[in-house]
Amino acid sequence: MTASRTRRARSGGAVAVVLISLLTAACGADPTASPETPAALPQGSPASFPTAKVTRSSRTAFFQLPSANIGCHMQPAWVRCDIQAQTYALPPKPPTCQGLYGKSLRLDRGKKAEILCAGDSLLPAPETVDYDTTVIVERMRCVVQESGVTCHDADSGYGFVLSRQEYRFLAPS
């Protein structure tokens, strides 16, 4: 191999390392985080925020739980989760709501979670996420468990719990 070919090969390797580092940072992945330790969960999280064994990071996520009863769509600025069948009583429907009320929850970054009036459904979703998985889209986190899903904004501390038996809003601690 000539000297110029050797330099090109070395610089190509350096470029690959830089690209991998940039892609990892752009996807929000923490290469030092252990899958058993969801390092992405902030200190001071609401006490009811569960932890999970496996952590997945992505730019967006659109998934359902294995029960196919809850589906969530996550973006960097918001999370919405819908439930198909629930045992909790639906809250009173506002007069302006023309869709279903009480089956969709939304969390916008930096704001309190809210109930949506929705004319559509996130179910079925294109992907099924296993139980005991934390799905991360930038600072938004959703923990998938057999009991339901808990989603939370790591910056503000606001979030929600959605399960067949209940929905509940989380506030910063």
Protein backbone atom coordinates (compact mmCIF):
# COMPACT_ATOMS: atom_id res chain seq x y z
CA MET A 1 0.00 0.00 0.00
CA THR A 2 1.31 3.47 -0.85
CA ALA A 3 1.73 6.23 1.72
CA SER A 4 -1.21 8.23 0.30
CA ARG A 5 -3.47 5.15 0.42
CA THR A 6 -2.47 4.56 4.05
CA ARG A 7 -3.28 8.18 4.97
CA ARG A 8 -6.67 7.90 3.20
CA ALA A 9 -7.45 4.65 5.03
CA ARG A 10 -6.54 6.18 8.40
CA SER A 11 -8.57 9.35 7.75
CA GLY A 12 -11.50 7.21 6.59
CA GLY A 13 -11.42 5.36 9.91
CA ALA A 14 -11.37 8.64 11.83
CA VAL A 15 -14.32 9.91 9.80
CA ALA A 16 -16.24 6.72 10.61
CA VAL A 17 -15.60 7.18 14.35
CA VAL A 18 -16.77 10.81 14.17
CA LEU A 19 -19.90 9.82 12.21
CA ILE A 20 -20.79 7.08 14.69
CA SER A 21 -20.34 9.54 17.58
CA LEU A 22 -22.53 12.12 15.85
CA LEU A 23 -25.23 9.59 15.05
CA THR A 24 -25.22 8.31 18.61
CA ALA A 25 -25.58 11.84 19.97
CA ALA A 26 -28.28 12.73 17.41
CA CYS A 27 -30.32 9.68 18.36
CA GLY A 28 -30.14 10.58 22.04
CA ALA A 29 -28.37 7.38 22.96
CA ASP A 30 -26.04 7.37 25.89
CA PRO A 31 -23.31 4.89 24.96
CA THR A 32 -22.26 4.65 28.62
CA ALA A 33 -25.74 3.78 29.91
CA SER A 34 -26.24 0.18 30.97
CA PRO A 35 -29.48 -1.52 29.81
CA GLU A 36 -30.08 -2.65 33.39
CA THR A 37 -29.74 0.89 34.73
CA PRO A 38 -32.06 3.34 33.02
CA ALA A 39 -29.63 6.23 33.43
CA ALA A 40 -32.04 8.31 31.37
CA LEU A 41 -34.43 8.49 34.32
CA PRO A 42 -33.76 11.72 36.17
CA GLN A 43 -33.05 12.06 39.84
CA GLY A 44 -36.09 13.30 41.70
CA SER A 45 -38.55 11.50 39.41
CA PRO A 46 -42.01 11.02 40.85
CA ALA A 47 -41.87 8.08 43.25
CA SER A 48 -44.49 6.28 41.17
CA PHE A 49 -42.34 6.35 38.04
CA PRO A 50 -41.26 2.75 37.47
CA THR A 51 -37.92 1.55 36.20
CA ALA A 52 -37.43 -1.05 33.50
CA LYS A 53 -34.70 -3.49 32.57
CA VAL A 54 -34.27 -2.63 28.88
CA THR A 55 -33.85 0.85 27.45
CA ARG A 56 -34.46 1.85 23.83
CA SER A 57 -33.73 5.28 22.38
CA SER A 58 -34.97 6.63 19.08
CA ARG A 59 -35.92 9.88 17.33
CA THR A 60 -39.63 8.95 17.31
CA ALA A 61 -41.61 5.96 18.50
CA PHE A 62 -45.01 4.54 17.60
CA PHE A 63 -45.77 1.36 19.51
CA GLN A 64 -48.30 -0.72 21.40
CA LEU A 65 -48.03 -2.86 24.50
CA PRO A 66 -48.11 -6.68 24.07
CA SER A 67 -51.74 -6.67 25.24
CA ALA A 68 -52.57 -4.48 22.19
CA ASN A 69 -54.81 -2.45 24.54
CA ILE A 70 -52.57 0.63 24.82
CA GLY A 71 -50.74 2.38 22.00
CA CYS A 72 -48.37 5.36 22.20
CA HIS A 73 -46.84 7.80 19.75
CA MET A 74 -43.77 9.71 20.91
CA GLN A 75 -42.05 12.73 19.40
CA PRO A 76 -39.34 14.93 20.97
CA ALA A 77 -41.96 17.54 22.03
CA TRP A 78 -44.90 15.32 23.02
CA VAL A 79 -46.26 11.88 23.89
CA ARG A 80 -49.78 10.61 23.28
CA CYS A 81 -51.12 7.27 24.51
CA ASP A 82 -54.53 5.75 23.76
CA ILE A 83 -56.36 2.90 25.44
CA GLN A 84 -58.91 0.66 23.76
CA ALA A 85 -60.65 -0.99 26.73
CA GLN A 86 -60.64 0.36 30.26
CA THR A 87 -62.48 -0.28 33.52
CA TYR A 88 -62.13 3.26 34.92
CA ALA A 89 -65.09 5.58 34.48
CA LEU A 90 -64.64 8.02 31.64
CA PRO A 91 -64.60 11.65 32.77
CA PRO A 92 -67.48 13.91 31.70
CA LYS A 93 -67.18 14.82 28.04
CA PRO A 94 -66.84 18.55 27.34
CA PRO A 95 -69.66 19.92 25.17
CA THR A 96 -67.18 20.92 22.46
CA CYS A 97 -65.77 17.37 22.13
CA GLN A 98 -67.01 15.55 19.04
CA GLY A 99 -64.79 12.46 19.48
CA LEU A 100 -63.98 10.05 22.28
CA TYR A 101 -63.02 11.61 25.60
CA GLY A 102 -61.02 9.88 28.33
CA LYS A 103 -59.26 7.28 26.17
CA SER A 104 -56.33 9.46 25.00
CA LEU A 105 -53.75 11.21 27.16
CA ARG A 106 -51.21 13.72 25.88
CA LEU A 107 -48.11 15.18 27.48
CA ASP A 108 -46.45 18.19 25.85
CA ARG A 109 -42.91 18.97 26.87
CA GLY A 110 -42.89 21.30 29.88
CA LYS A 111 -46.66 21.14 30.44
CA LYS A 112 -49.13 19.14 32.52
CA ALA A 113 -50.61 16.05 30.87
CA GLU A 114 -54.18 16.30 29.64
CA ILE A 115 -57.08 14.22 28.41
CA LEU A 116 -57.71 14.57 24.69
CA CYS A 117 -60.89 14.63 22.68
CA ALA A 118 -59.82 12.30 19.89
CA GLY A 119 -61.53 11.29 16.69
CA ASP A 120 -58.77 8.82 15.79
CA SER A 121 -56.90 6.01 17.54
CA LEU A 122 -53.26 5.01 17.81
CA LEU A 123 -54.30 1.35 17.79
CA PRO A 124 -53.20 -0.86 16.24
CA ALA A 125 -49.64 0.51 16.26
CA PRO A 126 -46.94 -0.65 13.84
CA GLU A 127 -44.63 -2.05 16.54
CA THR A 128 -45.12 -4.02 19.76
CA VAL A 129 -42.72 -3.18 22.61
CA ASP A 130 -42.00 -5.82 25.24
CA TYR A 131 -42.91 -5.29 28.87
CA ASP A 132 -40.14 -3.90 31.10
CA THR A 133 -38.91 -1.60 28.34
CA THR A 134 -38.20 2.11 28.66
CA VAL A 135 -38.73 3.94 25.36
CA ILE A 136 -36.86 7.26 25.14
CA VAL A 137 -37.36 10.04 22.63
CA GLU A 138 -35.02 12.83 23.68
CA ARG A 139 -36.31 13.94 27.13
CA MET A 140 -39.62 12.02 26.90
CA ARG A 141 -39.70 8.59 28.59
CA CYS A 142 -42.34 5.86 28.59
CA VAL A 143 -41.99 2.72 30.70
CA VAL A 144 -43.97 -0.24 29.39
CA GLN A 145 -45.12 -2.72 32.04
CA GLU A 146 -47.78 -5.42 32.29
CA SER A 147 -49.85 -3.04 34.42
CA GLY A 148 -49.81 -0.30 31.74
CA VAL A 149 -47.60 2.57 30.63
CA THR A 150 -46.05 5.47 32.54
CA CYS A 151 -44.84 8.43 30.47
CA HIS A 152 -42.92 11.40 31.78
CA ASP A 153 -41.04 14.52 30.68
CA ALA A 154 -37.58 14.23 32.24
CA ASP A 155 -37.10 18.01 32.24
CA SER A 156 -40.36 19.17 33.82
CA GLY A 157 -41.34 16.10 35.86
CA TYR A 158 -44.88 16.09 34.46
CA GLY A 159 -46.31 12.82 33.22
CA PHE A 160 -49.13 10.31 33.29
CA VAL A 161 -49.98 6.71 34.08
CA LEU A 162 -52.40 4.82 31.84
CA SER A 163 -53.72 1.34 32.55
CA ARG A 164 -56.93 -0.62 32.16
CA GLN A 165 -57.86 0.33 35.76
CA GLU A 166 -56.84 4.00 35.87
CA TYR A 167 -55.37 7.09 34.38
CA ARG A 168 -53.42 9.43 36.64
CA PHE A 169 -51.42 12.59 36.13
CA LEU A 170 -47.91 13.00 37.58
CA ALA A 171 -46.57 16.31 38.83
CA PRO A 172 -42.98 17.32 39.59
CA SER A 173 -41.78 16.20 43.01
